[in-house]
Amino acid sequence: STLVLFQLIGVDYQIKTITGNQSFENNVTIKIRGDSGKVSIPLSTTNNGTQPFQANATDLFVHRENDVGKIKRIIIEHDNSKENQTWNLKKIFITKGKFSFK
């Protein structure tokens, strides 16, 4: 019998968010599902260490996670820890390795 070992190779996910004219203070997570799996990434620390989701701000998050293959679906959710908040997420861009998604 032959034993085959698979090593999950990580890939860098660069997630860029653009927030509208209202700051948002809840904890945000993005779930990315692809044809080879799924990952859940907390968007809590920006690449440059600033407070994320401030009014009219662009934030960049970089995480190394398992490669999900071709991205099929994303879900962005928050924990509603700060009540009565509305997040005006204008745009999100995801770059996985050398591939970009809008």
PDB file of N, CA and C in Angstrom:
ATOM      1  N   SER A   1       0.838  -1.179   0.000  1.00  0.00           N
ATOM      2  CA  SER A   1       0.000   0.000   0.000  1.00  0.00           C
ATOM      3  C   SER A   1       0.878   1.237   0.000  1.00  0.00           C
ATOM      4  N   THR A   2       0.363   2.283  -0.581  1.00  0.00           N
ATOM      5  CA  THR A   2       1.107   3.525  -0.686  1.00  0.00           C
ATOM      6  C   THR A   2       0.433   4.588   0.161  1.00  0.00           C
ATOM      7  N   LEU A   3       1.224   5.270   0.950  1.00  0.00           N
ATOM      8  CA  LEU A   3       0.726   6.355   1.778  1.00  0.00           C
ATOM      9  C   LEU A   3       1.040   7.676   1.074  1.00  0.00           C
ATOM     10  N   VAL A   4       0.008   8.436   0.846  1.00  0.00           N
ATOM     11  CA  VAL A   4       0.184   9.723   0.180  1.00  0.00           C
ATOM     12  C   VAL A   4      -0.111  10.822   1.188  1.00  0.00           C
ATOM     13  N   LEU A   5       0.827  11.741   1.355  1.00  0.00           N
ATOM     14  CA  LEU A   5       0.650  12.861   2.261  1.00  0.00           C
ATOM     15  C   LEU A   5       0.424  14.131   1.443  1.00  0.00           C
ATOM     16  N   PHE A   6      -0.581  14.881   1.815  1.00  0.00           N
ATOM     17  CA  PHE A   6      -0.865  16.142   1.149  1.00  0.00           C
ATOM     18  C   PHE A   6      -0.506  17.286   2.089  1.00  0.00           C
ATOM     19  N   GLN A   7       0.218  18.230   1.592  1.00  0.00           N
ATOM     20  CA  GLN A   7       0.561  19.410   2.378  1.00  0.00           C
ATOM     21  C   GLN A   7      -0.257  20.567   1.835  1.00  0.00           C
ATOM     22  N   LEU A   8      -1.033  21.191   2.719  1.00  0.00           N
ATOM     23  CA  LEU A   8      -1.799  22.351   2.305  1.00  0.00           C
ATOM     24  C   LEU A   8      -0.846  23.528   2.179  1.00  0.00           C
ATOM     25  N   ILE A   9      -0.811  24.094   1.027  1.00  0.00           N
ATOM     26  CA  ILE A   9       0.092  25.199   0.766  1.00  0.00           C
ATOM     27  C   ILE A   9      -0.674  26.493   0.947  1.00  0.00           C
ATOM     28  N   GLY A  10      -0.140  27.354   1.783  1.00  0.00           N
ATOM     29  CA  GLY A  10      -0.794  28.623   2.041  1.00  0.00           C
ATOM     30  C   GLY A  10      -0.603  29.600   0.901  1.00  0.00           C
ATOM     31  N   VAL A  11      -1.526  30.537   0.840  1.00  0.00           N
ATOM     32  CA  VAL A  11      -1.462  31.595  -0.155  1.00  0.00           C
ATOM     33  C   VAL A  11      -1.826  32.893   0.561  1.00  0.00           C
ATOM     34  N   ASP A  12      -1.241  33.990   0.104  1.00  0.00           N
ATOM     35  CA  ASP A  12      -1.561  35.283   0.699  1.00  0.00           C
ATOM     36  C   ASP A  12      -2.856  35.826   0.113  1.00  0.00           C
ATOM     37  N   TYR A  13      -3.779  36.173   0.995  1.00  0.00           N
ATOM     38  CA  TYR A  13      -5.003  36.858   0.612  1.00  0.00           C
ATOM     39  C   TYR A  13      -4.835  38.317   0.996  1.00  0.00           C
ATOM     40  N   GLN A  14      -4.930  39.206   0.031  1.00  0.00           N
ATOM     41  CA  GLN A  14      -4.919  40.638   0.296  1.00  0.00           C
ATOM     42  C   GLN A  14      -6.353  41.119   0.121  1.00  0.00           C
ATOM     43  N   ILE A  15      -6.898  41.666   1.181  1.00  0.00           N
ATOM     44  CA  ILE A  15      -8.285  42.111   1.172  1.00  0.00           C
ATOM     45  C   ILE A  15      -8.284  43.612   1.385  1.00  0.00           C
ATOM     46  N   LYS A  16      -8.815  44.340   0.420  1.00  0.00           N
ATOM     47  CA  LYS A  16      -8.884  45.796   0.521  1.00  0.00           C
ATOM     48  C   LYS A  16     -10.348  46.202   0.632  1.00  0.00           C
ATOM     49  N   THR A  17     -10.672  46.980   1.676  1.00  0.00           N
ATOM     50  CA  THR A  17     -12.028  47.471   1.861  1.00  0.00           C
ATOM     51  C   THR A  17     -12.045  48.986   1.740  1.00  0.00           C
ATOM     52  N   ILE A  18     -13.142  49.488   1.213  1.00  0.00           N
ATOM     53  CA  ILE A  18     -13.359  50.927   1.144  1.00  0.00           C
ATOM     54  C   ILE A  18     -14.650  51.218   1.893  1.00  0.00           C
ATOM     55  N   THR A  19     -14.532  52.000   2.957  1.00  0.00           N
ATOM     56  CA  THR A  19     -15.676  52.353   3.801  1.00  0.00           C
ATOM     57  C   THR A  19     -16.193  53.726   3.393  1.00  0.00           C
ATOM     58  N   GLY A  20     -17.505  53.884   3.426  1.00  0.00           N
ATOM     59  CA  GLY A  20     -18.141  55.151   3.075  1.00  0.00           C
ATOM     60  C   GLY A  20     -17.988  56.190   4.166  1.00  0.00           C
ATOM     61  N   ASN A  21     -19.006  57.026   4.323  1.00  0.00           N
ATOM     62  CA  ASN A  21     -18.885  58.208   5.178  1.00  0.00           C
ATOM     63  C   ASN A  21     -19.232  57.979   6.643  1.00  0.00           C
ATOM     64  N   GLN A  22     -19.292  56.726   7.078  1.00  0.00           N
ATOM     65  CA  GLN A  22     -19.590  56.440   8.485  1.00  0.00           C
ATOM     66  C   GLN A  22     -18.647  55.356   8.998  1.00  0.00           C
ATOM     67  N   SER A  23     -17.972  55.635  10.122  1.00  0.00           N
ATOM     68  CA  SER A  23     -17.075  54.639  10.726  1.00  0.00           C
ATOM     69  C   SER A  23     -17.872  53.448  11.242  1.00  0.00           C
ATOM     70  N   PHE A  24     -17.181  52.315  11.384  1.00  0.00           N
ATOM     71  CA  PHE A  24     -17.821  51.074  11.812  1.00  0.00           C
ATOM     72  C   PHE A  24     -16.903  50.395  12.813  1.00  0.00           C
ATOM     73  N   GLU A  25     -17.429  49.982  13.968  1.00  0.00           N
ATOM     74  CA  GLU A  25     -16.585  49.468  15.041  1.00  0.00           C
ATOM     75  C   GLU A  25     -16.841  48.011  15.401  1.00  0.00           C
ATOM     76  N   ASN A  26     -17.707  47.313  14.692  1.00  0.00           N
ATOM     77  CA  ASN A  26     -17.946  45.900  14.997  1.00  0.00           C
ATOM     78  C   ASN A  26     -16.804  45.027  14.483  1.00  0.00           C
ATOM     79  N   ASN A  27     -16.723  43.809  14.996  1.00  0.00           N
ATOM     80  CA  ASN A  27     -15.728  42.838  14.540  1.00  0.00           C
ATOM     81  C   ASN A  27     -16.220  42.203  13.246  1.00  0.00           C
ATOM     82  N   VAL A  28     -15.385  42.268  12.212  1.00  0.00           N
ATOM     83  CA  VAL A  28     -15.767  41.828  10.879  1.00  0.00           C
ATOM     84  C   VAL A  28     -14.960  40.594  10.494  1.00  0.00           C
ATOM     85  N   THR A  29     -15.633  39.646   9.849  1.00  0.00           N
ATOM     86  CA  THR A  29     -15.000  38.431   9.331  1.00  0.00           C
ATOM     87  C   THR A  29     -15.424  38.257   7.884  1.00  0.00           C
ATOM     88  N   ILE A  30     -14.489  37.820   7.051  1.00  0.00           N
ATOM     89  CA  ILE A  30     -14.830  37.467   5.681  1.00  0.00           C
ATOM     90  C   ILE A  30     -14.647  35.967   5.524  1.00  0.00           C
ATOM     91  N   LYS A  31     -15.637  35.322   4.926  1.00  0.00           N
ATOM     92  CA  LYS A  31     -15.560  33.894   4.620  1.00  0.00           C
ATOM     93  C   LYS A  31     -15.440  33.762   3.112  1.00  0.00           C
ATOM     94  N   ILE A  32     -14.414  33.035   2.700  1.00  0.00           N
ATOM     95  CA  ILE A  32     -14.147  32.852   1.273  1.00  0.00           C
ATOM     96  C   ILE A  32     -14.301  31.375   0.957  1.00  0.00           C
ATOM     97  N   ARG A  33     -15.178  31.075   0.014  1.00  0.00           N
ATOM     98  CA  ARG A  33     -15.402  29.684  -0.406  1.00  0.00           C
ATOM     99  C   ARG A  33     -14.940  29.544  -1.851  1.00  0.00           C
ATOM    100  N   GLY A  34     -14.190  28.474  -2.084  1.00  0.00           N
ATOM    101  CA  GLY A  34     -13.715  28.196  -3.429  1.00  0.00           C
ATOM    102  C   GLY A  34     -14.020  26.766  -3.821  1.00  0.00           C
ATOM    103  N   ASP A  35     -13.542  26.370  -4.984  1.00  0.00           N
ATOM    104  CA  ASP A  35     -13.810  25.013  -5.439  1.00  0.00           C
ATOM    105  C   ASP A  35     -12.936  23.962  -4.752  1.00  0.00           C
ATOM    106  N   SER A  36     -12.007  24.419  -3.869  1.00  0.00           N
ATOM    107  CA  SER A  36     -11.145  23.483  -3.139  1.00  0.00           C
ATOM    108  C   SER A  36     -11.228  23.635  -1.627  1.00  0.00           C
ATOM    109  N   GLY A  37     -12.204  24.405  -1.125  1.00  0.00           N
ATOM    110  CA  GLY A  37     -12.329  24.561   0.316  1.00  0.00           C
ATOM    111  C   GLY A  37     -12.808  25.940   0.692  1.00  0.00           C
ATOM    112  N   LYS A  38     -12.662  26.266   1.985  1.00  0.00           N
ATOM    113  CA  LYS A  38     -13.102  27.563   2.476  1.00  0.00           C
ATOM    114  C   LYS A  38     -12.191  28.025   3.606  1.00  0.00           C
ATOM    115  N   VAL A  39     -12.135  29.338   3.798  1.00  0.00           N
ATOM    116  CA  VAL A  39     -11.385  29.938   4.896  1.00  0.00           C
ATOM    117  C   VAL A  39     -12.243  31.030   5.516  1.00  0.00           C
ATOM    118  N   SER A  40     -11.961  31.310   6.776  1.00  0.00           N
ATOM    119  CA  SER A  40     -12.615  32.387   7.500  1.00  0.00           C
ATOM    120  C   SER A  40     -11.513  33.300   8.029  1.00  0.00           C
ATOM    121  N   ILE A  41     -11.560  34.576   7.664  1.00  0.00           N
ATOM    122  CA  ILE A  41     -10.477  35.500   7.982  1.00  0.00           C
ATOM    123  C   ILE A  41     -11.030  36.677   8.785  1.00  0.00           C
ATOM    124  N   PRO A  42     -10.558  36.872  10.019  1.00  0.00           N
ATOM    125  CA  PRO A  42     -10.979  38.052  10.775  1.00  0.00           C
ATOM    126  C   PRO A  42     -10.297  39.304  10.215  1.00  0.00           C
ATOM    127  N   LEU A  43     -11.068  40.356  10.020  1.00  0.00           N
ATOM    128  CA  LEU A  43     -10.517  41.612   9.521  1.00  0.00           C
ATOM    129  C   LEU A  43     -10.381  42.577  10.695  1.00  0.00           C
ATOM    130  N   SER A  44      -9.434  42.265  11.572  1.00  0.00           N
ATOM    131  CA  SER A  44      -9.290  43.038  12.800  1.00  0.00           C
ATOM    132  C   SER A  44      -8.051  43.916  12.818  1.00  0.00           C
ATOM    133  N   THR A  45      -7.024  43.532  12.110  1.00  0.00           N
ATOM    134  CA  THR A  45      -5.776  44.291  12.110  1.00  0.00           C
ATOM    135  C   THR A  45      -5.393  44.626  10.677  1.00  0.00           C
ATOM    136  N   THR A  46      -5.305  45.909  10.386  1.00  0.00           N
ATOM    137  CA  THR A  46      -4.919  46.305   9.038  1.00  0.00           C
ATOM    138  C   THR A  46      -3.425  46.080   8.840  1.00  0.00           C
ATOM    139  N   ASN A  47      -3.020  46.092   7.599  1.00  0.00           N
ATOM    140  CA  ASN A  47      -1.620  45.845   7.270  1.00  0.00           C
ATOM    141  C   ASN A  47      -0.691  46.893   7.883  1.00  0.00           C
ATOM    142  N   ASN A  48      -1.173  48.133   8.047  1.00  0.00           N
ATOM    143  CA  ASN A  48      -0.316  49.175   8.619  1.00  0.00           C
ATOM    144  C   ASN A  48      -0.651  49.481  10.078  1.00  0.00           C
ATOM    145  N   GLY A  49      -1.515  48.669  10.704  1.00  0.00           N
ATOM    146  CA  GLY A  49      -1.781  48.794  12.127  1.00  0.00           C
ATOM    147  C   GLY A  49      -2.808  49.840  12.522  1.00  0.00           C
ATOM    148  N   THR A  50      -3.500  50.440  11.561  1.00  0.00           N
ATOM    149  CA  THR A  50      -4.494  51.457  11.893  1.00  0.00           C
ATOM    150  C   THR A  50      -5.828  50.807  12.272  1.00  0.00           C
ATOM    151  N   GLN A  51      -6.672  51.574  12.926  1.00  0.00           N
ATOM    152  CA  GLN A  51      -8.019  51.125  13.269  1.00  0.00           C
ATOM    153  C   GLN A  51      -8.810  50.942  11.975  1.00  0.00           C
ATOM    154  N   PRO A  52      -9.349  49.754  11.719  1.00  0.00           N
ATOM    155  CA  PRO A  52     -10.046  49.533  10.447  1.00  0.00           C
ATOM    156  C   PRO A  52     -11.423  50.186  10.407  1.00  0.00           C
ATOM    157  N   PHE A  53     -11.902  50.379   9.201  1.00  0.00           N
ATOM    158  CA  PHE A  53     -13.278  50.783   8.895  1.00  0.00           C
ATOM    159  C   PHE A  53     -13.632  52.179   9.392  1.00  0.00           C
ATOM    160  N   GLN A  54     -12.673  53.096   9.320  1.00  0.00           N
ATOM    161  CA  GLN A  54     -12.960  54.486   9.645  1.00  0.00           C
ATOM    162  C   GLN A  54     -13.636  55.144   8.440  1.00  0.00           C
ATOM    163  N   ALA A  55     -14.344  56.232   8.688  1.00  0.00           N
ATOM    164  CA  ALA A  55     -15.084  56.916   7.628  1.00  0.00           C
ATOM    165  C   ALA A  55     -14.161  57.303   6.476  1.00  0.00           C
ATOM    166  N   ASN A  56     -14.626  57.016   5.270  1.00  0.00           N
ATOM    167  CA  ASN A  56     -13.924  57.372   4.029  1.00  0.00           C
ATOM    168  C   ASN A  56     -12.505  56.813   3.953  1.00  0.00           C
ATOM    169  N   ALA A  57     -12.288  55.646   4.558  1.00  0.00           N
ATOM    170  CA  ALA A  57     -10.945  55.053   4.597  1.00  0.00           C
ATOM    171  C   ALA A  57     -10.854  53.833   3.685  1.00  0.00           C
ATOM    172  N   THR A  58      -9.645  53.586   3.233  1.00  0.00           N
ATOM    173  CA  THR A  58      -9.312  52.359   2.511  1.00  0.00           C
ATOM    174  C   THR A  58      -8.388  51.556   3.407  1.00  0.00           C
ATOM    175  N   ASP A  59      -8.752  50.304   3.671  1.00  0.00           N
ATOM    176  CA  ASP A  59      -7.959  49.443   4.558  1.00  0.00           C
ATOM    177  C   ASP A  59      -7.460  48.227   3.795  1.00  0.00           C
ATOM    178  N   LEU A  60      -6.256  47.800   4.132  1.00  0.00           N
ATOM    179  CA  LEU A  60      -5.668  46.608   3.527  1.00  0.00           C
ATOM    180  C   LEU A  60      -5.364  45.597   4.626  1.00  0.00           C
ATOM    181  N   PHE A  61      -5.799  44.368   4.405  1.00  0.00           N
ATOM    182  CA  PHE A  61      -5.547  43.251   5.320  1.00  0.00           C
ATOM    183  C   PHE A  61      -4.837  42.172   4.519  1.00  0.00           C
ATOM    184  N   VAL A  62      -3.790  41.580   5.096  1.00  0.00           N
ATOM    185  CA  VAL A  62      -3.059  40.499   4.432  1.00  0.00           C
ATOM    186  C   VAL A  62      -3.003  39.312   5.378  1.00  0.00           C
ATOM    187  N   HIS A  63      -3.489  38.169   4.906  1.00  0.00           N
ATOM    188  CA  HIS A  63      -3.484  36.940   5.701  1.00  0.00           C
ATOM    189  C   HIS A  63      -3.008  35.787   4.837  1.00  0.00           C
ATOM    190  N   ARG A  64      -2.208  34.918   5.426  1.00  0.00           N
ATOM    191  CA  ARG A  64      -1.813  33.672   4.750  1.00  0.00           C
ATOM    192  C   ARG A  64      -2.727  32.574   5.256  1.00  0.00           C
ATOM    193  N   GLU A  65      -3.426  31.957   4.315  1.00  0.00           N
ATOM    194  CA  GLU A  65      -4.392  30.902   4.627  1.00  0.00           C
ATOM    195  C   GLU A  65      -4.270  29.800   3.587  1.00  0.00           C
ATOM    196  N   ASN A  66      -4.999  28.708   3.814  1.00  0.00           N
ATOM    197  CA  ASN A  66      -5.047  27.637   2.822  1.00  0.00           C
ATOM    198  C   ASN A  66      -5.653  28.157   1.525  1.00  0.00           C
ATOM    199  N   ASP A  67      -5.189  27.622   0.422  1.00  0.00           N
ATOM    200  CA  ASP A  67      -5.693  28.019  -0.886  1.00  0.00           C
ATOM    201  C   ASP A  67      -7.052  27.358  -1.113  1.00  0.00           C
ATOM    202  N   VAL A  68      -8.073  28.172  -1.383  1.00  0.00           N
ATOM    203  CA  VAL A  68      -9.426  27.642  -1.601  1.00  0.00           C
ATOM    204  C   VAL A  68      -9.684  27.321  -3.064  1.00  0.00           C
ATOM    205  N   GLY A  69      -8.682  27.530  -3.905  1.00  0.00           N
ATOM    206  CA  GLY A  69      -8.896  27.330  -5.334  1.00  0.00           C
ATOM    207  C   GLY A  69      -9.599  28.541  -5.928  1.00  0.00           C
ATOM    208  N   LYS A  70     -10.342  28.318  -6.993  1.00  0.00           N
ATOM    209  CA  LYS A  70     -11.072  29.405  -7.640  1.00  0.00           C
ATOM    210  C   LYS A  70     -12.168  29.901  -6.696  1.00  0.00           C
ATOM    211  N   ILE A  71     -12.163  31.205  -6.414  1.00  0.00           N
ATOM    212  CA  ILE A  71     -13.149  31.772  -5.491  1.00  0.00           C
ATOM    213  C   ILE A  71     -14.530  31.749  -6.131  1.00  0.00           C
ATOM    214  N   LYS A  72     -15.479  31.173  -5.396  1.00  0.00           N
ATOM    215  CA  LYS A  72     -16.857  31.055  -5.869  1.00  0.00           C
ATOM    216  C   LYS A  72     -17.800  32.000  -5.142  1.00  0.00           C
ATOM    217  N   ARG A  73     -17.512  32.266  -3.845  1.00  0.00           N
ATOM    218  CA  ARG A  73     -18.446  33.034  -3.034  1.00  0.00           C
ATOM    219  C   ARG A  73     -17.716  33.643  -1.849  1.00  0.00           C
ATOM    220  N   ILE A  74     -18.125  34.869  -1.476  1.00  0.00           N
ATOM    221  CA  ILE A  74     -17.628  35.467  -0.247  1.00  0.00           C
ATOM    222  C   ILE A  74     -18.819  35.903   0.607  1.00  0.00           C
ATOM    223  N   ILE A  75     -18.634  35.829   1.907  1.00  0.00           N
ATOM    224  CA  ILE A  75     -19.621  36.313   2.862  1.00  0.00           C
ATOM    225  C   ILE A  75     -18.885  37.222   3.823  1.00  0.00           C
ATOM    226  N   ILE A  76     -19.414  38.416   4.017  1.00  0.00           N
ATOM    227  CA  ILE A  76     -18.838  39.352   4.973  1.00  0.00           C
ATOM    228  C   ILE A  76     -19.845  39.490   6.105  1.00  0.00           C
ATOM    229  N   GLU A  77     -19.372  39.237   7.324  1.00  0.00           N
ATOM    230  CA  GLU A  77     -20.286  39.310   8.456  1.00  0.00           C
ATOM    231  C   GLU A  77     -19.634  40.040   9.613  1.00  0.00           C
ATOM    232  N   HIS A  78     -20.477  40.510  10.534  1.00  0.00           N
ATOM    233  CA  HIS A  78     -19.964  41.160  11.739  1.00  0.00           C
ATOM    234  C   HIS A  78     -20.737  40.633  12.941  1.00  0.00           C
ATOM    235  N   ASP A  79     -20.185  40.882  14.132  1.00  0.00           N
ATOM    236  CA  ASP A  79     -20.740  40.292  15.349  1.00  0.00           C
ATOM    237  C   ASP A  79     -21.772  41.175  16.051  1.00  0.00           C
ATOM    238  N   ASN A  80     -22.037  42.352  15.515  1.00  0.00           N
ATOM    239  CA  ASN A  80     -23.035  43.260  16.091  1.00  0.00           C
ATOM    240  C   ASN A  80     -22.719  43.605  17.552  1.00  0.00           C
ATOM    241  N   SER A  81     -21.423  43.631  17.902  1.00  0.00           N
ATOM    242  CA  SER A  81     -21.023  43.927  19.278  1.00  0.00           C
ATOM    243  C   SER A  81     -21.297  45.383  19.659  1.00  0.00           C
ATOM    244  N   LYS A  82     -21.315  46.248  18.681  1.00  0.00           N
ATOM    245  CA  LYS A  82     -21.679  47.656  18.899  1.00  0.00           C
ATOM    246  C   LYS A  82     -23.033  47.862  18.238  1.00  0.00           C
ATOM    247  N   GLU A  83     -24.063  48.009  19.048  1.00  0.00           N
ATOM    248  CA  GLU A  83     -25.419  48.114  18.517  1.00  0.00           C
ATOM    249  C   GLU A  83     -25.625  49.415  17.753  1.00  0.00           C
ATOM    250  N   ASN A  84     -26.631  49.387  16.905  1.00  0.00           N
ATOM    251  CA  ASN A  84     -27.050  50.554  16.127  1.00  0.00           C
ATOM    252  C   ASN A  84     -25.939  51.107  15.235  1.00  0.00           C
ATOM    253  N   GLN A  85     -25.165  50.212  14.643  1.00  0.00           N
ATOM    254  CA  GLN A  85     -24.120  50.618  13.711  1.00  0.00           C
ATOM    255  C   GLN A  85     -24.485  50.146  12.314  1.00  0.00           C
ATOM    256  N   THR A  86     -24.225  50.987  11.364  1.00  0.00           N
ATOM    257  CA  THR A  86     -24.415  50.634   9.959  1.00  0.00           C
ATOM    258  C   THR A  86     -23.076  50.788   9.265  1.00  0.00           C
ATOM    259  N   TRP A  87     -22.664  49.742   8.553  1.00  0.00           N
ATOM    260  CA  TRP A  87     -21.396  49.809   7.841  1.00  0.00           C
ATOM    261  C   TRP A  87     -21.680  50.097   6.382  1.00  0.00           C
ATOM    262  N   ASN A  88     -21.147  51.177   5.914  1.00  0.00           N
ATOM    263  CA  ASN A  88     -21.284  51.540   4.517  1.00  0.00           C
ATOM    264  C   ASN A  88     -20.056  51.018   3.772  1.00  0.00           C
ATOM    265  N   LEU A  89     -20.046  49.721   3.512  1.00  0.00           N
ATOM    266  CA  LEU A  89     -18.960  49.104   2.748  1.00  0.00           C
ATOM    267  C   LEU A  89     -19.190  49.426   1.281  1.00  0.00           C
ATOM    268  N   LYS A  90     -18.350  50.281   0.739  1.00  0.00           N
ATOM    269  CA  LYS A  90     -18.536  50.713  -0.650  1.00  0.00           C
ATOM    270  C   LYS A  90     -17.991  49.683  -1.634  1.00  0.00           C
ATOM    271  N   LYS A  91     -16.799  49.153  -1.343  1.00  0.00           N
ATOM    272  CA  LYS A  91     -16.170  48.188  -2.253  1.00  0.00           C
ATOM    273  C   LYS A  91     -15.278  47.254  -1.461  1.00  0.00           C
ATOM    274  N   ILE A  92     -15.068  46.083  -2.036  1.00  0.00           N
ATOM    275  CA  ILE A  92     -14.093  45.138  -1.488  1.00  0.00           C
ATOM    276  C   ILE A  92     -13.356  44.514  -2.666  1.00  0.00           C
ATOM    277  N   PHE A  93     -12.053  44.392  -2.507  1.00  0.00           N
ATOM    278  CA  PHE A  93     -11.203  43.771  -3.517  1.00  0.00           C
ATOM    279  C   PHE A  93     -10.416  42.655  -2.835  1.00  0.00           C
ATOM    280  N   ILE A  94     -10.330  41.521  -3.478  1.00  0.00           N
ATOM    281  CA  ILE A  94      -9.565  40.390  -2.946  1.00  0.00           C
ATOM    282  C   ILE A  94      -8.523  39.999  -3.971  1.00  0.00           C
ATOM    283  N   THR A  95      -7.273  39.928  -3.516  1.00  0.00           N
ATOM    284  CA  THR A  95      -6.201  39.417  -4.364  1.00  0.00           C
ATOM    285  C   THR A  95      -5.687  38.156  -3.684  1.00  0.00           C
ATOM    286  N   LYS A  96      -5.712  37.051  -4.428  1.00  0.00           N
ATOM    287  CA  LYS A  96      -5.240  35.764  -3.925  1.00  0.00           C
ATOM    288  C   LYS A  96      -4.088  35.350  -4.816  1.00  0.00           C
ATOM    289  N   GLY A  97      -2.881  35.428  -4.258  1.00  0.00           N
ATOM    290  CA  GLY A  97      -1.715  35.153  -5.095  1.00  0.00           C
ATOM    291  C   GLY A  97      -1.647  36.199  -6.180  1.00  0.00           C
ATOM    292  N   LYS A  98      -1.740  35.801  -7.426  1.00  0.00           N
ATOM    293  CA  LYS A  98      -1.676  36.756  -8.537  1.00  0.00           C
ATOM    294  C   LYS A  98      -3.042  37.029  -9.164  1.00  0.00           C
ATOM    295  N   PHE A  99      -4.123  36.529  -8.551  1.00  0.00           N
ATOM    296  CA  PHE A  99      -5.466  36.702  -9.100  1.00  0.00           C
ATOM    297  C   PHE A  99      -6.243  37.712  -8.264  1.00  0.00           C
ATOM    298  N   SER A 100      -6.979  38.605  -8.940  1.00  0.00           N
ATOM    299  CA  SER A 100      -7.757  39.641  -8.268  1.00  0.00           C
ATOM    300  C   SER A 100      -9.245  39.428  -8.499  1.00  0.00           C
ATOM    301  N   PHE A 101     -10.032  39.749  -7.475  1.00  0.00           N
ATOM    302  CA  PHE A 101     -11.494  39.611  -7.524  1.00  0.00           C
ATOM    303  C   PHE A 101     -12.103  40.878  -6.977  1.00  0.00           C
ATOM    304  N   LYS A 102     -13.214  41.321  -7.567  1.00  0.00           N
ATOM    305  CA  LYS A 102     -13.914  42.526  -7.099  1.00  0.00           C
ATOM    306  C   LYS A 102     -15.333  42.154  -6.713  1.00  0.00           C
TER     307      LYS A 102
END
